[in-house]
C-alpha atoms as a PDB file:
ATOM      1  CA  MET A   1       0.004   0.007  -0.008  1.00  0.00           C
ATOM      2  CA  PRO A   2       2.567   2.702   0.995  1.00  0.00           C
ATOM      3  CA  GLY A   3       4.563   4.039  -1.909  1.00  0.00           C
ATOM      4  CA  GLN A   4       1.612   3.665  -4.265  1.00  0.00           C
ATOM      5  CA  GLN A   5      -1.707   5.437  -4.710  1.00  0.00           C
ATOM      6  CA  LEU A   6      -4.405   4.070  -2.407  1.00  0.00           C
ATOM      7  CA  SER A   7      -7.739   3.051  -3.851  1.00  0.00           C
ATOM      8  CA  PRO A   8     -10.847   4.741  -2.455  1.00  0.00           C
ATOM      9  CA  ASN A   9     -11.621   1.526  -0.543  1.00  0.00           C
ATOM     10  CA  GLU A  10      -8.101   1.425   0.943  1.00  0.00           C
ATOM     11  CA  VAL A  11      -8.347   5.087   1.936  1.00  0.00           C
ATOM     12  CA  GLU A  12     -11.654   4.386   3.700  1.00  0.00           C
ATOM     13  CA  ARG A  13     -10.189   1.354   5.526  1.00  0.00           C
ATOM     14  CA  LEU A  14      -7.097   3.375   6.518  1.00  0.00           C
ATOM     15  CA  GLY A  15      -9.332   6.144   7.876  1.00  0.00           C
ATOM     16  CA  GLU A  16     -11.373   3.661   9.909  1.00  0.00           C
ATOM     17  CA  ALA A  17      -8.236   1.987  11.273  1.00  0.00           C
ATOM     18  CA  THR A  18      -6.662   5.335  12.174  1.00  0.00           C
ATOM     19  CA  GLY A  19      -9.800   6.456  14.008  1.00  0.00           C
ATOM     20  CA  ARG A  20     -10.035   3.187  15.922  1.00  0.00           C
ATOM     21  CA  ILE A  21      -6.368   3.396  16.914  1.00  0.00           C
ATOM     22  CA  ALA A  22      -6.854   6.954  18.261  1.00  0.00           C
ATOM     23  CA  ALA A  23      -9.981   5.941  20.177  1.00  0.00           C
ATOM     24  CA  LEU A  24      -8.429   2.798  21.659  1.00  0.00           C
ATOM     25  CA  ALA A  25      -5.287   4.668  22.711  1.00  0.00           C
ATOM     26  CA  ALA A  26      -7.462   7.292  24.450  1.00  0.00           C
ATOM     27  CA  LYS A  27      -9.503   4.618  26.212  1.00  0.00           C
ATOM     28  CA  ALA A  28      -6.353   2.773  27.306  1.00  0.00           C
ATOM     29  CA  LEU A  29      -4.864   5.920  28.852  1.00  0.00           C
ATOM     30  CA  ASN A  30      -8.166   6.803  30.517  1.00  0.00           C
ATOM     31  CA  SER A  31      -8.565   3.350  32.040  1.00  0.00           C
ATOM     32  CA  THR A  32      -5.101   3.614  33.608  1.00  0.00           C
ATOM     33  CA  TRP A  33      -5.383   7.307  34.577  1.00  0.00           C
ATOM     34  CA  PRO A  34      -9.091   8.187  34.910  1.00  0.00           C
ATOM     35  CA  HIS A  35      -8.312  11.887  35.496  1.00  0.00           C
ATOM     36  CA  LEU A  36      -7.353  12.037  31.806  1.00  0.00           C
ATOM     37  CA  GLU A  37     -10.648  12.719  30.073  1.00  0.00           C
ATOM     38  CA  VAL A  38     -11.333  10.416  27.100  1.00  0.00           C
ATOM     39  CA  GLU A  39     -12.866  13.289  25.152  1.00  0.00           C
ATOM     40  CA  ASP A  40      -9.759  15.440  25.621  1.00  0.00           C
ATOM     41  CA  LEU A  41      -7.487  12.567  24.608  1.00  0.00           C
ATOM     42  CA  VAL A  42      -9.585  11.804  21.525  1.00  0.00           C
ATOM     43  CA  GLU A  43      -9.480  15.469  20.608  1.00  0.00           C
ATOM     44  CA  GLN A  44      -5.676  15.487  20.910  1.00  0.00           C
ATOM     45  CA  PHE A  45      -5.280  12.158  19.098  1.00  0.00           C
ATOM     46  CA  THR A  46      -7.454  13.209  16.158  1.00  0.00           C
ATOM     47  CA  ARG A  47      -5.564  16.392  15.346  1.00  0.00           C
ATOM     48  CA  ASP A  48      -4.058  16.354  11.863  1.00  0.00           C
ATOM     49  CA  SER A  49      -0.479  15.749  13.065  1.00  0.00           C
ATOM     50  CA  ALA A  50      -1.544  12.815  15.245  1.00  0.00           C
ATOM     51  CA  LEU A  51      -3.614  11.245  12.474  1.00  0.00           C
ATOM     52  CA  VAL A  52      -0.715  11.500  10.033  1.00  0.00           C
ATOM     53  CA  MET A  53       1.568   9.840  12.581  1.00  0.00           C
ATOM     54  CA  ILE A  54      -0.953   7.030  13.275  1.00  0.00           C
ATOM     55  CA  ALA A  55      -1.599   6.377   9.577  1.00  0.00           C
ATOM     56  CA  SER A  56       2.125   6.381   8.757  1.00  0.00           C
ATOM     57  CA  ALA A  57       3.008   4.013  11.595  1.00  0.00           C
ATOM     58  CA  TYR A  58       0.106   1.723  10.709  1.00  0.00           C
ATOM     59  CA  LEU A  59       0.990   1.597   7.031  1.00  0.00           C
ATOM     60  CA  ALA A  60       4.682   1.034   7.834  1.00  0.00           C
ATOM     61  CA  GLY A  61       3.680  -1.969   9.965  1.00  0.00           C
ATOM     62  CA  ILE A  62       1.503  -3.372   7.167  1.00  0.00           C
ATOM     63  CA  GLU A  63       4.336  -2.832   4.690  1.00  0.00           C
ATOM     64  CA  ARG A  64       6.682  -4.820   6.991  1.00  0.00           C
ATOM     65  CA  GLY A  65       4.221  -7.720   6.899  1.00  0.00           C
ATOM     66  CA  LEU A  66       2.510  -7.234  10.265  1.00  0.00           C
ATOM     67  CA  SER A  67      -1.117  -8.221  10.596  1.00  0.00           C
ATOM     68  CA  PRO A  68      -3.569  -5.291  10.728  1.00  0.00           C
ATOM     69  CA  GLY A  69      -4.033  -5.891  14.459  1.00  0.00           C
ATOM     70  CA  ASP A  70      -0.295  -5.908  15.179  1.00  0.00           C
ATOM     71  CA  ALA A  71       0.249  -2.853  12.970  1.00  0.00           C
ATOM     72  CA  ALA A  72      -2.571  -1.055  14.831  1.00  0.00           C
ATOM     73  CA  GLY A  73      -1.045  -2.023  18.186  1.00  0.00           C
ATOM     74  CA  GLU A  74       2.319  -0.706  17.125  1.00  0.00           C
ATOM     75  CA  ALA A  75       0.814   2.561  15.870  1.00  0.00           C
ATOM     76  CA  GLY A  76      -1.206   3.019  19.070  1.00  0.00           C
ATOM     77  CA  THR A  77       1.866   2.394  21.206  1.00  0.00           C
ATOM     78  CA  ALA A  78       3.870   4.917  19.158  1.00  0.00           C
ATOM     79  CA  LEU A  79       1.067   7.469  19.580  1.00  0.00           C
ATOM     80  CA  ILE A  80       0.945   7.042  23.346  1.00  0.00           C
ATOM     81  CA  ARG A  81       4.735   7.261  23.623  1.00  0.00           C
ATOM     82  CA  GLU A  82       4.829  10.431  21.508  1.00  0.00           C
ATOM     83  CA  TRP A  83       2.016  11.975  23.581  1.00  0.00           C
ATOM     84  CA  ALA A  84       3.731  11.031  26.871  1.00  0.00           C
ATOM     85  CA  ASP A  85       7.094  12.425  25.641  1.00  0.00           C
ATOM     86  CA  SER A  86       5.382  15.692  24.653  1.00  0.00           C
ATOM     87  CA  ARG A  87       3.739  15.973  28.073  1.00  0.00           C
ATOM     88  CA  ARG A  88       6.999  15.210  29.839  1.00  0.00           C
ATOM     89  CA  GLU A  89       8.827  17.841  27.781  1.00  0.00           C
ATOM     90  CA  ALA A  90       6.160  20.457  28.513  1.00  0.00           C
ATOM     91  CA  ARG A  91       6.296  19.621  32.220  1.00  0.00           C
ATOM     92  CA  ALA A  92      10.124  19.856  32.220  1.00  0.00           C
ATOM     93  CA  ARG A  93       9.939  23.280  30.529  1.00  0.00           C
ATOM     94  CA  LEU A  94       7.375  24.439  33.103  1.00  0.00           C
ATOM     95  CA  ASP A  95       9.489  23.117  35.986  1.00  0.00           C
ATOM     96  CA  ALA A  96      12.601  24.812  34.577  1.00  0.00           C
ATOM     97  CA  GLN A  97      10.696  28.050  34.143  1.00  0.00           C
ATOM     98  CA  ARG A  98       9.481  27.844  37.742  1.00  0.00           C
ATOM     99  CA  ALA A  99      13.003  27.197  39.005  1.00  0.00           C
ATOM    100  CA  ASP A 100      14.301  30.277  37.137  1.00  0.00           C
ATOM    101  CA  ASP A 101      11.522  32.541  38.334  1.00  0.00           C
ATOM    102  CA  ALA A 102      11.489  34.463  41.565  1.00  0.00           C
ATOM    103  CA  SER A 103      10.050  32.385  44.372  1.00  0.00           C
ATOM    104  CA  THR A 104       7.608  35.148  45.232  1.00  0.00           C
ATOM    105  CA  GLU A 105       5.799  35.252  41.882  1.00  0.00           C
ATOM    106  CA  PRO A 106       2.177  34.094  42.344  1.00  0.00           C
ATOM    107  CA  VAL A 107       0.959  30.964  40.594  1.00  0.00           C
ATOM    108  CA  VAL A 108      -2.482  29.386  40.146  1.00  0.00           C
ATOM    109  CA  VAL A 109      -3.208  25.684  40.206  1.00  0.00           C
ATOM    110  CA  CYS A 110      -5.528  24.090  37.676  1.00  0.00           C
ATOM    111  CA  VAL A 111      -7.934  21.372  38.710  1.00  0.00           C
ATOM    112  CA  CYS A 112      -5.712  18.945  36.692  1.00  0.00           C
ATOM    113  CA  GLY A 113      -2.861  19.650  39.159  1.00  0.00           C
ATOM    114  CA  THR A 114      -0.712  21.850  36.910  1.00  0.00           C
ATOM    115  CA  SER A 115       0.410  25.187  38.294  1.00  0.00           C
ATOM    116  CA  VAL A 116       1.133  28.176  36.048  1.00  0.00           C
ATOM    117  CA  HIS A 117       2.017  31.823  36.579  1.00  0.00           C
ATOM    118  CA  ASP A 118      -0.928  33.945  37.618  1.00  0.00           C
ATOM    119  CA  ASN A 119      -1.404  35.759  34.328  1.00  0.00           C
ATOM    120  CA  ASP A 120      -3.777  35.484  31.375  1.00  0.00           C
ATOM    121  CA  GLU A 121      -1.117  34.309  28.914  1.00  0.00           C
ATOM    122  CA  ALA A 122      -0.002  31.395  31.096  1.00  0.00           C
ATOM    123  CA  ARG A 123      -3.564  30.356  31.907  1.00  0.00           C
ATOM    124  CA  ARG A 124      -4.622  30.552  28.277  1.00  0.00           C
ATOM    125  CA  GLY A 125      -1.550  28.590  27.124  1.00  0.00           C
ATOM    126  CA  HIS A 126      -2.252  25.800  29.608  1.00  0.00           C
ATOM    127  CA  ALA A 127      -5.964  25.709  28.776  1.00  0.00           C
ATOM    128  CA  ASP A 128      -5.339  25.638  25.017  1.00  0.00           C
ATOM    129  CA  THR A 129      -2.761  22.878  25.289  1.00  0.00           C
ATOM    130  CA  TRP A 130      -4.309  20.540  27.869  1.00  0.00           C
ATOM    131  CA  HIS A 131      -8.027  21.308  28.031  1.00  0.00           C
ATOM    132  CA  SER A 132     -11.030  21.690  25.769  1.00  0.00           C
ATOM    133  CA  GLU A 133     -14.501  23.257  25.814  1.00  0.00           C
ATOM    134  CA  THR A 134     -15.897  20.047  27.268  1.00  0.00           C
ATOM    135  CA  SER A 135     -13.200  19.864  29.931  1.00  0.00           C
ATOM    136  CA  PRO A 136     -12.123  23.437  30.659  1.00  0.00           C
ATOM    137  CA  ALA A 137      -9.264  24.492  32.906  1.00  0.00           C
ATOM    138  CA  VAL A 138     -10.558  25.429  36.357  1.00  0.00           C
ATOM    139  CA  TRP A 139      -8.261  27.569  38.488  1.00  0.00           C
ATOM    140  CA  GLY A 140      -7.850  27.718  42.236  1.00  0.00           C
ATOM    141  CA  PRO A 141      -6.870  30.893  44.088  1.00  0.00           C
ATOM    142  CA  PRO A 142      -3.459  32.472  43.436  1.00  0.00           C
ATOM    143  CA  VAL A 143      -0.665  31.323  45.739  1.00  0.00           C
ATOM    144  CA  THR A 144       2.871  32.415  46.353  1.00  0.00           C
ATOM    145  CA  ARG A 145       5.171  29.542  47.073  1.00  0.00           C
ATOM    146  CA  ASN A 146       4.643  28.305  50.640  1.00  0.00           C
ATOM    147  CA  ARG A 147       1.844  30.765  51.406  1.00  0.00           C
ATOM    148  CA  ALA A 148      -1.573  31.823  50.187  1.00  0.00           C
ATOM    149  CA  VAL A 149      -2.008  35.231  48.555  1.00  0.00           C
END
């Protein structure tokens, strides 16, 4: 299939497989960590870049002779690893930013447990990256490290 033009039937089957892989990966993460909302994960996993990655990994597995189920499992695993690496990198950047900032700068804590600087840009950035309209960011009161503001 890869390296050649796909027939309309193959395109449809690839689309169905890609959607199933995204949904199953979201459900797997949610069953392990229920605080991760399935809807949010599905939204993240069905963005264009994620769908391209899933389809490419799936087709590469098929091309290597894997069964459709094994190719789907491999693609789903790659998706979850990529998602986890991205979250880890974002968390490391946030932690480094916090370490560099003055210890007296106020922060707010989201209901998901992430703390950000108490300003609109930081709140909006967190909400746009990790939340959706169906699962919005909800902020607690501002705090300064080791004391309430």
